[in-house]
Amino acid sequence: QAQLVESGGGSVQVGGSLRLSCTASGRAFSNTAMAWFRQASGKEREFVAAVTWVISRTFYEDSVKGRFTIPGDTAGNTNTLYLQMNSLKPDDTALYYCAARTVYANAVFTTPLAYNFWGQGTQVTVSS
């Protein structure tokens, strides 16, 4: 049974940084794309950032552009995903989910429906 496991969440002050990790484990499967979503208390799940390995492209939600990055070689290890989060704001407080897509991909996807594996989430709390 394949699964995604997130780590790296925590509590930081405004302006701080965190690095989230997501690792696929279990049966071997080939990810074509991975993404981060987040869900704040009382709100719907929203897209944060994604990478589609086969075309080596990343995409970010507007509010995190310039602050969050998916580091490393996007055509490299497709079973591990990172999210470097800098200049964190209270609005970034949420449960962050990792998602993976194992079917054909020719674009970067921002909808949760495009991903067929999900992690349990890791909490990020930013305080002022």
C-alpha atoms as a PDB file:
ATOM      1  CA  GLN A   1       0.000   0.000   0.000  1.00  0.00           C
ATOM      2  CA  ALA A   2       1.569   3.261  -1.112  1.00  0.00           C
ATOM      3  CA  GLN A   3       1.362   6.205   1.191  1.00  0.00           C
ATOM      4  CA  LEU A   4       2.621   9.740   1.502  1.00  0.00           C
ATOM      5  CA  VAL A   5       4.136  10.934   4.763  1.00  0.00           C
ATOM      6  CA  GLU A   6       4.627  14.621   5.480  1.00  0.00           C
ATOM      7  CA  SER A   7       6.977  16.104   8.053  1.00  0.00           C
ATOM      8  CA  GLY A   8       8.578  19.405   8.963  1.00  0.00           C
ATOM      9  CA  GLY A   9       5.590  21.313  10.239  1.00  0.00           C
ATOM     10  CA  GLY A  10       5.694  23.283  13.449  1.00  0.00           C
ATOM     11  CA  SER A  11       5.145  26.630  15.117  1.00  0.00           C
ATOM     12  CA  VAL A  12       7.096  29.694  14.057  1.00  0.00           C
ATOM     13  CA  GLN A  13       6.858  33.419  14.426  1.00  0.00           C
ATOM     14  CA  VAL A  14       6.025  35.825  11.632  1.00  0.00           C
ATOM     15  CA  GLY A  15       8.894  36.044   9.195  1.00  0.00           C
ATOM     16  CA  GLY A  16      10.242  32.641  10.094  1.00  0.00           C
ATOM     17  CA  SER A  17      10.921  29.676   7.844  1.00  0.00           C
ATOM     18  CA  LEU A  18      10.000  26.026   7.674  1.00  0.00           C
ATOM     19  CA  ARG A  19      10.843  23.237   5.260  1.00  0.00           C
ATOM     20  CA  LEU A  20       8.198  20.605   4.680  1.00  0.00           C
ATOM     21  CA  SER A  21       9.028  17.162   3.363  1.00  0.00           C
ATOM     22  CA  CYS A  22       6.842  14.534   1.773  1.00  0.00           C
ATOM     23  CA  THR A  23       8.039  11.031   1.065  1.00  0.00           C
ATOM     24  CA  ALA A  24       6.230   8.294  -0.795  1.00  0.00           C
ATOM     25  CA  SER A  25       6.595   4.861   0.767  1.00  0.00           C
ATOM     26  CA  GLY A  26       5.145   1.431   0.342  1.00  0.00           C
ATOM     27  CA  ARG A  27       4.744  -0.234  -2.999  1.00  0.00           C
ATOM     28  CA  ALA A  28       6.759   1.340  -5.762  1.00  0.00           C
ATOM     29  CA  PHE A  29       4.783   3.745  -7.855  1.00  0.00           C
ATOM     30  CA  SER A  30       5.817   6.346 -10.344  1.00  0.00           C
ATOM     31  CA  ASN A  31       4.664   9.870  -9.588  1.00  0.00           C
ATOM     32  CA  THR A  32       4.138  12.114 -12.565  1.00  0.00           C
ATOM     33  CA  ALA A  33       3.356  15.113 -10.403  1.00  0.00           C
ATOM     34  CA  MET A  34       3.202  16.163  -6.764  1.00  0.00           C
ATOM     35  CA  ALA A  35       1.704  19.105  -4.968  1.00  0.00           C
ATOM     36  CA  TRP A  36       1.117  20.850  -1.684  1.00  0.00           C
ATOM     37  CA  PHE A  37      -2.312  21.935  -0.566  1.00  0.00           C
ATOM     38  CA  ARG A  38      -3.352  23.503   2.715  1.00  0.00           C
ATOM     39  CA  GLN A  39      -6.501  23.809   4.741  1.00  0.00           C
ATOM     40  CA  ALA A  40      -6.987  26.398   7.415  1.00  0.00           C
ATOM     41  CA  SER A  41      -9.523  25.883  10.161  1.00  0.00           C
ATOM     42  CA  GLY A  42     -13.026  26.497   8.832  1.00  0.00           C
ATOM     43  CA  LYS A  43     -11.878  26.939   5.245  1.00  0.00           C
ATOM     44  CA  GLU A  44     -11.718  24.790   2.141  1.00  0.00           C
ATOM     45  CA  ARG A  45      -8.557  23.060   1.020  1.00  0.00           C
ATOM     46  CA  GLU A  46      -6.537  25.299  -1.297  1.00  0.00           C
ATOM     47  CA  PHE A  47      -3.672  24.854  -3.688  1.00  0.00           C
ATOM     48  CA  VAL A  48      -0.210  26.009  -2.618  1.00  0.00           C
ATOM     49  CA  ALA A  49       2.427  24.683  -5.024  1.00  0.00           C
ATOM     50  CA  ALA A  50       2.971  21.866  -7.478  1.00  0.00           C
ATOM     51  CA  VAL A  51       5.571  20.245  -9.675  1.00  0.00           C
ATOM     52  CA  THR A  52       5.075  18.033 -12.683  1.00  0.00           C
ATOM     53  CA  TRP A  53       8.205  15.952 -12.974  1.00  0.00           C
ATOM     54  CA  VAL A  54       7.847  14.864 -16.578  1.00  0.00           C
ATOM     55  CA  ILE A  55       7.877  18.424 -17.889  1.00  0.00           C
ATOM     56  CA  SER A  56      10.040  19.857 -15.068  1.00  0.00           C
ATOM     57  CA  ARG A  57       7.641  22.660 -14.306  1.00  0.00           C
ATOM     58  CA  THR A  58       6.496  24.183 -11.024  1.00  0.00           C
ATOM     59  CA  PHE A  59       3.587  26.475 -10.246  1.00  0.00           C
ATOM     60  CA  TYR A  60       2.708  28.478  -7.156  1.00  0.00           C
ATOM     61  CA  GLU A  61      -0.396  30.068  -5.750  1.00  0.00           C
ATOM     62  CA  ASP A  62      -0.168  33.847  -5.989  1.00  0.00           C
ATOM     63  CA  SER A  63      -0.035  34.522  -2.254  1.00  0.00           C
ATOM     64  CA  VAL A  64       3.053  32.324  -1.790  1.00  0.00           C
ATOM     65  CA  LYS A  65       5.026  33.341  -4.884  1.00  0.00           C
ATOM     66  CA  GLY A  66       8.419  34.658  -3.905  1.00  0.00           C
ATOM     67  CA  ARG A  67       8.139  33.144  -0.429  1.00  0.00           C
ATOM     68  CA  PHE A  68       7.616  29.410  -1.014  1.00  0.00           C
ATOM     69  CA  THR A  69       9.640  27.227  -3.331  1.00  0.00           C
ATOM     70  CA  ILE A  70       9.909  23.594  -4.293  1.00  0.00           C
ATOM     71  CA  PRO A  71      13.674  23.272  -4.157  1.00  0.00           C
ATOM     72  CA  GLY A  72      15.971  20.973  -5.969  1.00  0.00           C
ATOM     73  CA  ASP A  73      16.010  19.324  -9.332  1.00  0.00           C
ATOM     74  CA  THR A  74      12.390  18.995 -10.400  1.00  0.00           C
ATOM     75  CA  ALA A  75      13.333  16.157 -12.739  1.00  0.00           C
ATOM     76  CA  GLY A  76      15.052  14.233  -9.970  1.00  0.00           C
ATOM     77  CA  ASN A  77      13.701  12.083  -7.186  1.00  0.00           C
ATOM     78  CA  THR A  78      10.015  11.833  -7.900  1.00  0.00           C
ATOM     79  CA  ASN A  79       9.135  10.148  -4.615  1.00  0.00           C
ATOM     80  CA  THR A  80      10.189  13.035  -2.391  1.00  0.00           C
ATOM     81  CA  LEU A  81       8.779  16.537  -2.378  1.00  0.00           C
ATOM     82  CA  TYR A  82       9.926  19.509  -0.361  1.00  0.00           C
ATOM     83  CA  LEU A  83       8.417  22.899   0.283  1.00  0.00           C
ATOM     84  CA  GLN A  84      10.708  25.643   1.504  1.00  0.00           C
ATOM     85  CA  MET A  85       8.577  28.281   3.195  1.00  0.00           C
ATOM     86  CA  ASN A  86      10.149  31.649   3.999  1.00  0.00           C
ATOM     87  CA  SER A  87       8.748  34.933   5.282  1.00  0.00           C
ATOM     88  CA  LEU A  88       5.851  33.106   6.867  1.00  0.00           C
ATOM     89  CA  LYS A  89       2.696  35.021   7.718  1.00  0.00           C
ATOM     90  CA  PRO A  90      -0.199  34.244  10.077  1.00  0.00           C
ATOM     91  CA  ASP A  91      -2.359  33.582   7.000  1.00  0.00           C
ATOM     92  CA  ASP A  92      -0.078  30.652   6.192  1.00  0.00           C
ATOM     93  CA  THR A  93      -1.343  28.841   9.292  1.00  0.00           C
ATOM     94  CA  ALA A  94      -2.962  25.625   8.098  1.00  0.00           C
ATOM     95  CA  LEU A  95      -2.715  21.881   7.836  1.00  0.00           C
ATOM     96  CA  TYR A  96      -0.464  21.228   4.845  1.00  0.00           C
ATOM     97  CA  TYR A  97      -1.136  18.171   2.702  1.00  0.00           C
ATOM     98  CA  CYS A  98       1.099  16.468   0.197  1.00  0.00           C
ATOM     99  CA  ALA A  99      -0.507  14.947  -2.895  1.00  0.00           C
ATOM    100  CA  ALA A 100       0.767  12.771  -5.719  1.00  0.00           C
ATOM    101  CA  ARG A 101      -0.461  11.904  -9.166  1.00  0.00           C
ATOM    102  CA  THR A 102       0.436   8.579 -10.739  1.00  0.00           C
ATOM    103  CA  VAL A 103      -1.326   8.873 -14.084  1.00  0.00           C
ATOM    104  CA  TYR A 104      -0.302  10.736 -17.216  1.00  0.00           C
ATOM    105  CA  ALA A 105       0.538  14.410 -16.750  1.00  0.00           C
ATOM    106  CA  ASN A 106       1.357  17.047 -19.335  1.00  0.00           C
ATOM    107  CA  ALA A 107       0.678  20.142 -17.270  1.00  0.00           C
ATOM    108  CA  VAL A 108       0.901  21.414 -13.731  1.00  0.00           C
ATOM    109  CA  PHE A 109      -2.341  20.768 -11.869  1.00  0.00           C
ATOM    110  CA  THR A 110      -3.810  22.995  -9.183  1.00  0.00           C
ATOM    111  CA  THR A 111      -7.028  21.093  -8.485  1.00  0.00           C
ATOM    112  CA  PRO A 112      -7.144  18.418  -5.776  1.00  0.00           C
ATOM    113  CA  LEU A 113      -9.047  16.184  -8.199  1.00  0.00           C
ATOM    114  CA  ALA A 114      -5.886  15.750 -10.285  1.00  0.00           C
ATOM    115  CA  TYR A 115      -4.091  13.891  -7.507  1.00  0.00           C
ATOM    116  CA  ASN A 116      -4.861  10.347  -6.445  1.00  0.00           C
ATOM    117  CA  PHE A 117      -2.676   9.891  -3.363  1.00  0.00           C
ATOM    118  CA  TRP A 118      -2.737  12.057  -0.265  1.00  0.00           C
ATOM    119  CA  GLY A 119      -0.829  12.339   2.971  1.00  0.00           C
ATOM    120  CA  GLN A 120      -2.315  12.928   6.414  1.00  0.00           C
ATOM    121  CA  GLY A 121      -1.025  16.478   6.698  1.00  0.00           C
ATOM    122  CA  THR A 122       1.431  18.385   8.833  1.00  0.00           C
ATOM    123  CA  GLN A 123       0.415  21.432  10.869  1.00  0.00           C
ATOM    124  CA  VAL A 124       2.028  24.808  10.296  1.00  0.00           C
ATOM    125  CA  THR A 125       1.256  27.570  12.789  1.00  0.00           C
ATOM    126  CA  VAL A 126       2.561  31.102  12.371  1.00  0.00           C
ATOM    127  CA  SER A 127       2.148  33.477  15.266  1.00  0.00           C
ATOM    128  CA  SER A 128       2.646  37.219  15.433  1.00  0.00           C
END
